[in-house]
């Protein structure tokens, strides 16, 4: 899959079949649309393409810095590639870009820059300055500029919307089973391992402290989770704590992973963990020894879940 970060960098040798949207989570609702796009592109000898934007429009137009997304750009790319998409365009969303008229967007971006021959888009899609153009306008543009528009019906769009809402709600409640069911894959966190205080190693539970640079990434509810990861080509399992480490008077939120039967220095390494299930809430224990005893229980619970 090709990923480009501006429509100006597109290889124009092959025309495109395209869909446009945030596609946050690339969940089971999105996959119906993407499979249709990929299959149609193959049958028409077009390049299957997703056009998305970053930063999220709400970050730019509404200064909504609290918005939380299910995927980082790299994670979205990873999932889309696994589906067989040929091209992902992550175009910079700016105030100037938002001021393009509907005609300018269609003519300059979709037609002249991307060579669009087919668009698969939702019935409620709006575009152009102040979002004043709709699907009817897009179909009319298609007749003018010689591209086909396939409309995604309301039921399918509602499924996508409901899935996104349910996934966010489930993650914030710590309900990984529901979240992973709607995603169609296990929710992931990706970050760089940073040096911590070393308290885990002192009680025989060394941890990798994961720093996620993308502040917009949704982190699930505080608590203890069962996770897996791939390190040096090997699948490893472990347990992860999200929270403040109240037993040792922690003041900053952290994401710490203890991998089972694995003790390699991972400092400054980029790793990805997939969250399989949730074990319990984060708790404050009366002593570090009691915390250690609980961690032993958590390890047994995690290993039993992994065996399943």
C-alpha atoms as a PDB file:
ATOM      1  CA  UNK A   1       0.000   0.000   0.000  1.00  0.00           C
ATOM      2  CA  UNK A   2       1.181   3.511  -0.835  1.00  0.00           C
ATOM      3  CA  UNK A   3       0.730   6.234   1.800  1.00  0.00           C
ATOM      4  CA  UNK A   4       1.129   9.870   0.860  1.00  0.00           C
ATOM      5  CA  UNK A   5       0.631  12.985   2.965  1.00  0.00           C
ATOM      6  CA  UNK A   6      -0.599  15.405   0.323  1.00  0.00           C
ATOM      7  CA  UNK A   7      -2.724  15.133  -2.802  1.00  0.00           C
ATOM      8  CA  UNK A   8       0.104  16.907  -4.644  1.00  0.00           C
ATOM      9  CA  UNK A   9       2.305  13.820  -4.239  1.00  0.00           C
ATOM     10  CA  UNK A  10       0.019  11.370  -6.010  1.00  0.00           C
ATOM     11  CA  UNK A  11       1.205   9.073  -8.792  1.00  0.00           C
ATOM     12  CA  UNK A  12      -1.246   9.983 -11.563  1.00  0.00           C
ATOM     13  CA  UNK A  13      -0.435   7.111 -13.888  1.00  0.00           C
ATOM     14  CA  UNK A  14      -3.494   5.142 -12.754  1.00  0.00           C
ATOM     15  CA  UNK A  15      -6.973   6.627 -12.131  1.00  0.00           C
ATOM     16  CA  UNK A  16      -8.625   6.061  -8.768  1.00  0.00           C
ATOM     17  CA  UNK A  17     -11.711   4.688  -7.091  1.00  0.00           C
ATOM     18  CA  UNK A  18     -12.021   6.645  -3.892  1.00  0.00           C
ATOM     19  CA  UNK A  19     -13.878   7.017  -0.641  1.00  0.00           C
ATOM     20  CA  UNK A  20     -13.549   9.967   1.715  1.00  0.00           C
ATOM     21  CA  UNK A  21     -13.802  10.080   5.490  1.00  0.00           C
ATOM     22  CA  UNK A  22     -12.168   9.856   8.893  1.00  0.00           C
ATOM     23  CA  UNK A  23     -12.384   6.046   9.082  1.00  0.00           C
ATOM     24  CA  UNK A  24     -11.399   6.208  12.739  1.00  0.00           C
ATOM     25  CA  UNK A  25     -10.926   2.706  14.086  1.00  0.00           C
ATOM     26  CA  UNK A  26     -11.337   1.116  10.626  1.00  0.00           C
ATOM     27  CA  UNK A  27     -13.968  -1.073  12.301  1.00  0.00           C
ATOM     28  CA  UNK A  28     -16.423  -3.665  10.968  1.00  0.00           C
ATOM     29  CA  UNK A  29     -18.805  -0.980   9.693  1.00  0.00           C
ATOM     30  CA  UNK A  30     -16.036   0.693   7.715  1.00  0.00           C
ATOM     31  CA  UNK A  31     -14.868  -2.635   6.335  1.00  0.00           C
ATOM     32  CA  UNK A  32     -18.119  -3.153   4.413  1.00  0.00           C
ATOM     33  CA  UNK A  33     -17.487   0.107   2.553  1.00  0.00           C
ATOM     34  CA  UNK A  34     -13.778  -0.586   2.059  1.00  0.00           C
ATOM     35  CA  UNK A  35     -14.363  -4.092   0.711  1.00  0.00           C
ATOM     36  CA  UNK A  36     -16.808  -2.669  -1.835  1.00  0.00           C
ATOM     37  CA  UNK A  37     -14.263  -0.006  -2.796  1.00  0.00           C
ATOM     38  CA  UNK A  38     -11.417  -2.510  -3.193  1.00  0.00           C
ATOM     39  CA  UNK A  39     -13.505  -4.986  -5.214  1.00  0.00           C
ATOM     40  CA  UNK A  40     -14.910  -2.288  -7.513  1.00  0.00           C
ATOM     41  CA  UNK A  41     -11.450  -0.828  -8.068  1.00  0.00           C
ATOM     42  CA  UNK A  42     -10.106  -4.211  -9.134  1.00  0.00           C
ATOM     43  CA  UNK A  43     -12.956  -4.846 -11.548  1.00  0.00           C
ATOM     44  CA  UNK A  44     -12.591  -1.371 -13.114  1.00  0.00           C
ATOM     45  CA  UNK A  45      -8.758  -1.388 -13.126  1.00  0.00           C
ATOM     46  CA  UNK A  46      -8.639   1.598 -10.780  1.00  0.00           C
ATOM     47  CA  UNK A  47      -6.439   2.272  -7.752  1.00  0.00           C
ATOM     48  CA  UNK A  48      -8.460   1.823  -4.523  1.00  0.00           C
ATOM     49  CA  UNK A  49      -7.916   4.967  -2.470  1.00  0.00           C
ATOM     50  CA  UNK A  50      -8.977   6.379   0.889  1.00  0.00           C
ATOM     51  CA  UNK A  51      -8.776  10.154   1.244  1.00  0.00           C
ATOM     52  CA  UNK A  52      -8.639  11.239   4.866  1.00  0.00           C
ATOM     53  CA  UNK A  53      -7.465  14.363   6.637  1.00  0.00           C
ATOM     54  CA  UNK A  54      -5.202  15.270   9.524  1.00  0.00           C
ATOM     55  CA  UNK A  55      -5.476  17.012  11.883  1.00  0.00           C
ATOM     56  CA  UNK A  56      -9.111  16.065  12.446  1.00  0.00           C
ATOM     57  CA  UNK A  57     -11.281  18.941  11.148  1.00  0.00           C
ATOM     58  CA  UNK A  58     -12.677  19.540  14.643  1.00  0.00           C
ATOM     59  CA  UNK A  59      -9.135  20.145  15.921  1.00  0.00           C
ATOM     60  CA  UNK A  60      -8.701  22.928  13.361  1.00  0.00           C
ATOM     61  CA  UNK A  61     -12.129  24.503  13.029  1.00  0.00           C
ATOM     62  CA  UNK A  62     -13.414  24.094  16.585  1.00  0.00           C
ATOM     63  CA  UNK A  63     -10.059  24.012  18.417  1.00  0.00           C
ATOM     64  CA  UNK A  64     -11.259  20.745  19.960  1.00  0.00           C
ATOM     65  CA  UNK A  65      -8.012  19.519  21.501  1.00  0.00           C
ATOM     66  CA  UNK A  66      -9.902  17.076  23.726  1.00  0.00           C
ATOM     67  CA  UNK A  67     -11.126  14.936  20.840  1.00  0.00           C
ATOM     68  CA  UNK A  68     -10.007  11.319  21.210  1.00  0.00           C
ATOM     69  CA  UNK A  69      -9.517   9.004  18.242  1.00  0.00           C
ATOM     70  CA  UNK A  70      -9.325   5.226  18.049  1.00  0.00           C
ATOM     71  CA  UNK A  71      -6.287   5.152  15.749  1.00  0.00           C
ATOM     72  CA  UNK A  72      -3.106   7.086  15.287  1.00  0.00           C
ATOM     73  CA  UNK A  73      -2.232   7.695  11.634  1.00  0.00           C
ATOM     74  CA  UNK A  74       0.284   4.822  11.710  1.00  0.00           C
ATOM     75  CA  UNK A  75      -2.266   2.440  13.222  1.00  0.00           C
ATOM     76  CA  UNK A  76      -4.881   3.402  10.642  1.00  0.00           C
ATOM     77  CA  UNK A  77      -2.346   2.775   7.895  1.00  0.00           C
ATOM     78  CA  UNK A  78      -1.560  -0.634   9.384  1.00  0.00           C
ATOM     79  CA  UNK A  79      -5.198  -1.759   9.422  1.00  0.00           C
ATOM     80  CA  UNK A  80      -6.009  -0.391   5.954  1.00  0.00           C
ATOM     81  CA  UNK A  81      -2.970  -2.139   4.502  1.00  0.00           C
ATOM     82  CA  UNK A  82      -4.137  -5.437   6.002  1.00  0.00           C
ATOM     83  CA  UNK A  83      -7.447  -5.073   4.119  1.00  0.00           C
ATOM     84  CA  UNK A  84      -5.714  -4.777   0.745  1.00  0.00           C
ATOM     85  CA  UNK A  85      -6.180  -1.062   0.094  1.00  0.00           C
ATOM     86  CA  UNK A  86      -3.790   0.257  -2.558  1.00  0.00           C
ATOM     87  CA  UNK A  87      -3.469   3.898  -1.548  1.00  0.00           C
ATOM     88  CA  UNK A  88      -4.001   6.029   1.561  1.00  0.00           C
ATOM     89  CA  UNK A  89      -3.908   9.811   1.267  1.00  0.00           C
ATOM     90  CA  UNK A  90      -3.602  11.727   4.532  1.00  0.00           C
ATOM     91  CA  UNK A  91      -4.058  15.303   3.366  1.00  0.00           C
ATOM     92  CA  UNK A  92      -3.269  18.200   5.735  1.00  0.00           C
ATOM     93  CA  UNK A  93      -6.470  19.818   6.974  1.00  0.00           C
ATOM     94  CA  UNK A  94      -6.036  23.564   7.329  1.00  0.00           C
ATOM     95  CA  UNK A  95      -8.342  26.566   7.496  1.00  0.00           C
ATOM     96  CA  UNK A  96      -7.347  27.436   3.916  1.00  0.00           C
ATOM     97  CA  UNK A  97      -8.251  23.936   2.762  1.00  0.00           C
ATOM     98  CA  UNK A  98     -11.624  24.196   4.526  1.00  0.00           C
ATOM     99  CA  UNK A  99     -12.397  27.319   2.479  1.00  0.00           C
ATOM    100  CA  UNK A 100     -12.219  25.511  -0.876  1.00  0.00           C
ATOM    101  CA  UNK A 101     -15.539  25.762  -2.685  1.00  0.00           C
ATOM    102  CA  UNK A 102     -17.307  22.562  -3.703  1.00  0.00           C
ATOM    103  CA  UNK A 103     -16.294  23.163  -7.316  1.00  0.00           C
ATOM    104  CA  UNK A 104     -12.636  23.738  -6.373  1.00  0.00           C
ATOM    105  CA  UNK A 105     -12.572  20.604  -4.215  1.00  0.00           C
ATOM    106  CA  UNK A 106     -14.052  18.395  -6.917  1.00  0.00           C
ATOM    107  CA  UNK A 107     -12.188  19.902  -9.883  1.00  0.00           C
ATOM    108  CA  UNK A 108      -8.767  20.536  -8.291  1.00  0.00           C
ATOM    109  CA  UNK A 109      -8.541  17.717  -5.742  1.00  0.00           C
ATOM    110  CA  UNK A 110     -10.724  14.823  -6.875  1.00  0.00           C
ATOM    111  CA  UNK A 111     -10.374  15.186 -10.643  1.00  0.00           C
ATOM    112  CA  UNK A 112      -7.123  16.999 -11.487  1.00  0.00           C
ATOM    113  CA  UNK A 113      -4.993  15.750  -8.568  1.00  0.00           C
ATOM    114  CA  UNK A 114      -6.406  12.263  -7.953  1.00  0.00           C
ATOM    115  CA  UNK A 115      -7.792  11.250 -11.352  1.00  0.00           C
ATOM    116  CA  UNK A 116     -11.001  10.065  -9.727  1.00  0.00           C
ATOM    117  CA  UNK A 117     -13.241   7.849 -11.845  1.00  0.00           C
ATOM    118  CA  UNK A 118     -15.463   6.441  -9.094  1.00  0.00           C
ATOM    119  CA  UNK A 119     -16.485   7.707  -5.655  1.00  0.00           C
ATOM    120  CA  UNK A 120     -18.176   5.555  -3.017  1.00  0.00           C
ATOM    121  CA  UNK A 121     -19.633   7.916  -0.441  1.00  0.00           C
ATOM    122  CA  UNK A 122     -22.340   8.175   2.213  1.00  0.00           C
ATOM    123  CA  UNK A 123     -25.775   9.583   1.465  1.00  0.00           C
ATOM    124  CA  UNK A 124     -25.159  12.290   4.093  1.00  0.00           C
ATOM    125  CA  UNK A 125     -21.718  13.372   2.861  1.00  0.00           C
ATOM    126  CA  UNK A 126     -21.227  17.145   2.723  1.00  0.00           C
ATOM    127  CA  UNK A 127     -18.251  19.000   1.322  1.00  0.00           C
ATOM    128  CA  UNK A 128     -16.941  22.367   0.167  1.00  0.00           C
ATOM    129  CA  UNK A 129     -16.795  25.666   2.058  1.00  0.00           C
ATOM    130  CA  UNK A 130     -19.196  25.601   5.028  1.00  0.00           C
ATOM    131  CA  UNK A 131     -20.096  22.037   3.946  1.00  0.00           C
ATOM    132  CA  UNK A 132     -22.721  23.494   1.634  1.00  0.00           C
ATOM    133  CA  UNK A 133     -22.648  20.765  -1.066  1.00  0.00           C
ATOM    134  CA  UNK A 134     -24.240  17.326  -0.741  1.00  0.00           C
ATOM    135  CA  UNK A 135     -24.524  13.975  -2.512  1.00  0.00           C
ATOM    136  CA  UNK A 136     -26.888  15.407  -5.154  1.00  0.00           C
ATOM    137  CA  UNK A 137     -24.295  18.055  -6.016  1.00  0.00           C
ATOM    138  CA  UNK A 138     -21.573  15.413  -6.168  1.00  0.00           C
ATOM    139  CA  UNK A 139     -23.596  13.326  -8.631  1.00  0.00           C
ATOM    140  CA  UNK A 140     -24.052  16.426 -10.801  1.00  0.00           C
ATOM    141  CA  UNK A 141     -20.292  17.083 -10.647  1.00  0.00           C
ATOM    142  CA  UNK A 142     -19.748  13.482 -11.721  1.00  0.00           C
ATOM    143  CA  UNK A 143     -21.738  14.084 -14.887  1.00  0.00           C
ATOM    144  CA  UNK A 144     -19.664  17.189 -15.605  1.00  0.00           C
ATOM    145  CA  UNK A 145     -16.252  15.701 -14.825  1.00  0.00           C
ATOM    146  CA  UNK A 146     -16.897  12.112 -15.925  1.00  0.00           C
ATOM    147  CA  UNK A 147     -16.822  10.104 -12.706  1.00  0.00           C
ATOM    148  CA  UNK A 148     -19.346   7.708 -11.175  1.00  0.00           C
ATOM    149  CA  UNK A 149     -20.855   8.227  -7.720  1.00  0.00           C
ATOM    150  CA  UNK A 150     -22.076   5.254  -5.701  1.00  0.00           C
ATOM    151  CA  UNK A 151     -24.169   6.231  -2.698  1.00  0.00           C
ATOM    152  CA  UNK A 152     -23.888   4.314   0.577  1.00  0.00           C
ATOM    153  CA  UNK A 153     -27.418   4.014   2.012  1.00  0.00           C
ATOM    154  CA  UNK A 154     -28.535   5.336   5.384  1.00  0.00           C
ATOM    155  CA  UNK A 155     -28.595   1.941   7.112  1.00  0.00           C
ATOM    156  CA  UNK A 156     -24.928   1.263   6.394  1.00  0.00           C
ATOM    157  CA  UNK A 157     -23.870   4.777   7.421  1.00  0.00           C
ATOM    158  CA  UNK A 158     -25.844   4.426  10.655  1.00  0.00           C
ATOM    159  CA  UNK A 159     -24.043   1.146  11.334  1.00  0.00           C
ATOM    160  CA  UNK A 160     -20.694   2.923  10.978  1.00  0.00           C
ATOM    161  CA  UNK A 161     -21.751   5.735  13.294  1.00  0.00           C
ATOM    162  CA  UNK A 162     -23.149   3.395  15.919  1.00  0.00           C
ATOM    163  CA  UNK A 163     -20.043   1.233  15.829  1.00  0.00           C
ATOM    164  CA  UNK A 164     -17.708   4.208  16.404  1.00  0.00           C
ATOM    165  CA  UNK A 165     -19.833   5.477  19.288  1.00  0.00           C
ATOM    166  CA  UNK A 166     -20.076   2.052  20.902  1.00  0.00           C
ATOM    167  CA  UNK A 167     -16.335   1.424  20.575  1.00  0.00           C
ATOM    168  CA  UNK A 168     -15.413   4.688  22.288  1.00  0.00           C
ATOM    169  CA  UNK A 169     -17.976   4.126  25.029  1.00  0.00           C
ATOM    170  CA  UNK A 170     -16.837   0.537  25.577  1.00  0.00           C
ATOM    171  CA  UNK A 171     -13.170   1.494  25.850  1.00  0.00           C
ATOM    172  CA  UNK A 172     -13.899   4.280  28.324  1.00  0.00           C
ATOM    173  CA  UNK A 173     -15.830   1.738  30.394  1.00  0.00           C
ATOM    174  CA  UNK A 174     -13.073  -0.870  30.108  1.00  0.00           C
ATOM    175  CA  UNK A 175     -15.272  -3.211  28.063  1.00  0.00           C
ATOM    176  CA  UNK A 176     -12.661  -4.636  25.698  1.00  0.00           C
ATOM    177  CA  UNK A 177     -14.835  -7.526  24.538  1.00  0.00           C
ATOM    178  CA  UNK A 178     -17.405  -5.174  23.039  1.00  0.00           C
ATOM    179  CA  UNK A 179     -14.766  -2.822  21.622  1.00  0.00           C
ATOM    180  CA  UNK A 180     -12.790  -5.625  19.979  1.00  0.00           C
ATOM    181  CA  UNK A 181     -15.970  -7.191  18.564  1.00  0.00           C
ATOM    182  CA  UNK A 182     -16.939  -3.942  16.825  1.00  0.00           C
ATOM    183  CA  UNK A 183     -13.382  -3.285  15.663  1.00  0.00           C
ATOM    184  CA  UNK A 184     -12.926  -6.754  14.223  1.00  0.00           C
ATOM    185  CA  UNK A 185      -9.419  -6.799  15.718  1.00  0.00           C
ATOM    186  CA  UNK A 186      -7.853  -6.198  19.131  1.00  0.00           C
ATOM    187  CA  UNK A 187      -7.502  -2.566  20.198  1.00  0.00           C
ATOM    188  CA  UNK A 188      -3.921  -1.385  20.077  1.00  0.00           C
ATOM    189  CA  UNK A 189      -1.697   1.127  21.815  1.00  0.00           C
ATOM    190  CA  UNK A 190       1.550   2.160  20.121  1.00  0.00           C
ATOM    191  CA  UNK A 191       4.336   4.126  21.741  1.00  0.00           C
ATOM    192  CA  UNK A 192       7.966   4.474  22.758  1.00  0.00           C
ATOM    193  CA  UNK A 193       9.308   2.687  25.847  1.00  0.00           C
ATOM    194  CA  UNK A 194      10.654   5.266  28.303  1.00  0.00           C
ATOM    195  CA  UNK A 195      12.657   4.768  31.484  1.00  0.00           C
ATOM    196  CA  UNK A 196      10.482   4.697  34.605  1.00  0.00           C
ATOM    197  CA  UNK A 197      11.276   4.691  38.325  1.00  0.00           C
ATOM    198  CA  UNK A 198      12.244   1.018  38.320  1.00  0.00           C
ATOM    199  CA  UNK A 199       9.783   0.118  41.085  1.00  0.00           C
ATOM    200  CA  UNK A 200       8.410  -2.840  39.132  1.00  0.00           C
ATOM    201  CA  UNK A 201      11.827  -4.438  38.844  1.00  0.00           C
ATOM    202  CA  UNK A 202      12.326  -4.122  42.611  1.00  0.00           C
ATOM    203  CA  UNK A 203       9.315  -6.398  43.208  1.00  0.00           C
ATOM    204  CA  UNK A 204      10.153  -8.786  40.353  1.00  0.00           C
ATOM    205  CA  UNK A 205       7.608  -7.280  37.940  1.00  0.00           C
ATOM    206  CA  UNK A 206       9.725  -5.191  35.545  1.00  0.00           C
ATOM    207  CA  UNK A 207       7.622  -3.031  33.244  1.00  0.00           C
ATOM    208  CA  UNK A 208       7.945  -1.261  29.916  1.00  0.00           C
ATOM    209  CA  UNK A 209       6.617   2.270  30.353  1.00  0.00           C
ATOM    210  CA  UNK A 210       4.897   3.255  27.115  1.00  0.00           C
ATOM    211  CA  UNK A 211       4.790   6.892  26.098  1.00  0.00           C
ATOM    212  CA  UNK A 212       2.181   7.699  23.427  1.00  0.00           C
ATOM    213  CA  UNK A 213       3.119  10.916  21.636  1.00  0.00           C
ATOM    214  CA  UNK A 214      -0.285  11.310  19.976  1.00  0.00           C
ATOM    215  CA  UNK A 215      -2.294  13.032  22.715  1.00  0.00           C
ATOM    216  CA  UNK A 216      -5.492  12.493  20.707  1.00  0.00           C
ATOM    217  CA  UNK A 217      -5.237   8.689  21.007  1.00  0.00           C
ATOM    218  CA  UNK A 218      -8.014   7.225  23.151  1.00  0.00           C
ATOM    219  CA  UNK A 219      -6.583   5.303  26.123  1.00  0.00           C
ATOM    220  CA  UNK A 220      -9.017   2.873  27.803  1.00  0.00           C
ATOM    221  CA  UNK A 221     -10.290   3.173  31.354  1.00  0.00           C
ATOM    222  CA  UNK A 222      -7.706   2.898  34.126  1.00  0.00           C
ATOM    223  CA  UNK A 223      -7.117  -0.647  35.281  1.00  0.00           C
ATOM    224  CA  UNK A 224      -5.222  -3.875  34.653  1.00  0.00           C
ATOM    225  CA  UNK A 225      -5.413  -5.595  31.276  1.00  0.00           C
ATOM    226  CA  UNK A 226      -4.162  -8.720  29.499  1.00  0.00           C
ATOM    227  CA  UNK A 227      -2.105  -7.814  26.419  1.00  0.00           C
ATOM    228  CA  UNK A 228      -0.009  -9.235  23.624  1.00  0.00           C
ATOM    229  CA  UNK A 229       2.727  -7.730  21.497  1.00  0.00           C
ATOM    230  CA  UNK A 230       5.208  -8.623  18.784  1.00  0.00           C
ATOM    231  CA  UNK A 231       8.829  -7.936  19.698  1.00  0.00           C
ATOM    232  CA  UNK A 232      11.733  -8.999  17.493  1.00  0.00           C
ATOM    233  CA  UNK A 233       9.286 -11.054  15.447  1.00  0.00           C
ATOM    234  CA  UNK A 234       8.059 -13.003  18.454  1.00  0.00           C
ATOM    235  CA  UNK A 235       4.575 -12.844  20.008  1.00  0.00           C
ATOM    236  CA  UNK A 236       4.787 -12.131  23.719  1.00  0.00           C
ATOM    237  CA  UNK A 237       2.044 -11.831  26.321  1.00  0.00           C
ATOM    238  CA  UNK A 238       1.765  -9.807  29.451  1.00  0.00           C
ATOM    239  CA  UNK A 239      -0.364  -7.603  31.670  1.00  0.00           C
ATOM    240  CA  UNK A 240      -0.686  -3.856  31.555  1.00  0.00           C
ATOM    241  CA  UNK A 241      -1.618  -1.230  34.121  1.00  0.00           C
ATOM    242  CA  UNK A 242      -3.149   2.068  33.062  1.00  0.00           C
ATOM    243  CA  UNK A 243      -3.341   4.582  35.884  1.00  0.00           C
ATOM    244  CA  UNK A 244      -1.512   6.459  38.610  1.00  0.00           C
ATOM    245  CA  UNK A 245       0.133   3.732  40.735  1.00  0.00           C
ATOM    246  CA  UNK A 246      -1.622   4.911  43.923  1.00  0.00           C
ATOM    247  CA  UNK A 247       0.136   2.352  46.161  1.00  0.00           C
ATOM    248  CA  UNK A 248       3.439   4.187  45.650  1.00  0.00           C
ATOM    249  CA  UNK A 249       1.827   7.657  45.631  1.00  0.00           C
ATOM    250  CA  UNK A 250       2.092   8.119  41.879  1.00  0.00           C
ATOM    251  CA  UNK A 251       0.972  11.477  40.556  1.00  0.00           C
ATOM    252  CA  UNK A 252       1.231  11.046  36.776  1.00  0.00           C
ATOM    253  CA  UNK A 253      -0.821   8.714  34.613  1.00  0.00           C
ATOM    254  CA  UNK A 254       1.243   5.942  33.053  1.00  0.00           C
ATOM    255  CA  UNK A 255       0.888   2.900  30.817  1.00  0.00           C
ATOM    256  CA  UNK A 256       3.099   0.074  32.082  1.00  0.00           C
ATOM    257  CA  UNK A 257       3.395  -3.400  30.597  1.00  0.00           C
ATOM    258  CA  UNK A 258       4.914  -6.423  32.284  1.00  0.00           C
ATOM    259  CA  UNK A 259       5.716  -9.090  29.680  1.00  0.00           C
ATOM    260  CA  UNK A 260       5.785 -12.700  30.850  1.00  0.00           C
ATOM    261  CA  UNK A 261       9.052 -14.652  30.480  1.00  0.00           C
ATOM    262  CA  UNK A 262      10.609 -11.727  28.651  1.00  0.00           C
ATOM    263  CA  UNK A 263      13.247  -9.382  30.005  1.00  0.00           C
ATOM    264  CA  UNK A 264      15.016  -7.463  27.240  1.00  0.00           C
ATOM    265  CA  UNK A 265      15.962  -3.799  27.457  1.00  0.00           C
ATOM    266  CA  UNK A 266      13.349  -2.023  25.362  1.00  0.00           C
ATOM    267  CA  UNK A 267      14.208   1.589  26.219  1.00  0.00           C
ATOM    268  CA  UNK A 268      13.555   3.966  23.308  1.00  0.00           C
ATOM    269  CA  UNK A 269      12.033   1.096  21.299  1.00  0.00           C
ATOM    270  CA  UNK A 270       8.696   1.620  19.558  1.00  0.00           C
ATOM    271  CA  UNK A 271       6.314  -1.166  20.515  1.00  0.00           C
ATOM    272  CA  UNK A 272       2.661  -1.966  20.003  1.00  0.00           C
ATOM    273  CA  UNK A 273       0.478  -3.803  22.490  1.00  0.00           C
ATOM    274  CA  UNK A 274      -2.894  -5.310  21.688  1.00  0.00           C
ATOM    275  CA  UNK A 275      -5.387  -5.284  24.538  1.00  0.00           C
ATOM    276  CA  UNK A 276      -7.080  -8.666  24.883  1.00  0.00           C
ATOM    277  CA  UNK A 277      -9.176  -8.252  28.024  1.00  0.00           C
ATOM    278  CA  UNK A 278      -9.550  -6.349  31.296  1.00  0.00           C
ATOM    279  CA  UNK A 279      -8.842  -7.994  34.654  1.00  0.00           C
ATOM    280  CA  UNK A 280      -9.685  -5.407  37.313  1.00  0.00           C
ATOM    281  CA  UNK A 281      -9.744  -1.778  38.391  1.00  0.00           C
ATOM    282  CA  UNK A 282      -6.578  -0.079  39.582  1.00  0.00           C
ATOM    283  CA  UNK A 283      -6.446  -0.148  43.394  1.00  0.00           C
ATOM    284  CA  UNK A 284      -4.415   1.363  46.198  1.00  0.00           C
ATOM    285  CA  UNK A 285      -2.921  -1.314  48.464  1.00  0.00           C
ATOM    286  CA  UNK A 286      -1.816  -0.777  52.061  1.00  0.00           C
ATOM    287  CA  UNK A 287       1.717  -1.939  51.284  1.00  0.00           C
ATOM    288  CA  UNK A 288       4.006  -2.776  48.379  1.00  0.00           C
ATOM    289  CA  UNK A 289       4.003  -6.412  49.588  1.00  0.00           C
ATOM    290  CA  UNK A 290       0.218  -6.595  49.225  1.00  0.00           C
ATOM    291  CA  UNK A 291       0.536  -5.075  45.743  1.00  0.00           C
ATOM    292  CA  UNK A 292       3.068  -7.757  44.830  1.00  0.00           C
ATOM    293  CA  UNK A 293       0.694 -10.475  46.041  1.00  0.00           C
ATOM    294  CA  UNK A 294      -2.072  -9.046  43.862  1.00  0.00           C
ATOM    295  CA  UNK A 295       0.231  -8.896  40.861  1.00  0.00           C
ATOM    296  CA  UNK A 296       0.961 -12.611  41.325  1.00  0.00           C
ATOM    297  CA  UNK A 297      -2.791 -13.253  41.234  1.00  0.00           C
ATOM    298  CA  UNK A 298      -3.109 -11.017  38.151  1.00  0.00           C
ATOM    299  CA  UNK A 299      -0.395 -13.018  36.429  1.00  0.00           C
ATOM    300  CA  UNK A 300      -2.273 -16.282  37.033  1.00  0.00           C
ATOM    301  CA  UNK A 301      -5.555 -14.740  35.857  1.00  0.00           C
ATOM    302  CA  UNK A 302      -3.858 -13.396  32.720  1.00  0.00           C
ATOM    303  CA  UNK A 303      -2.202 -16.713  31.866  1.00  0.00           C
ATOM    304  CA  UNK A 304      -5.532 -18.517  32.287  1.00  0.00           C
ATOM    305  CA  UNK A 305      -7.243 -16.037  29.921  1.00  0.00           C
ATOM    306  CA  UNK A 306      -4.426 -16.417  27.405  1.00  0.00           C
ATOM    307  CA  UNK A 307      -4.788 -20.214  27.504  1.00  0.00           C
ATOM    308  CA  UNK A 308      -8.440 -19.814  26.503  1.00  0.00           C
END
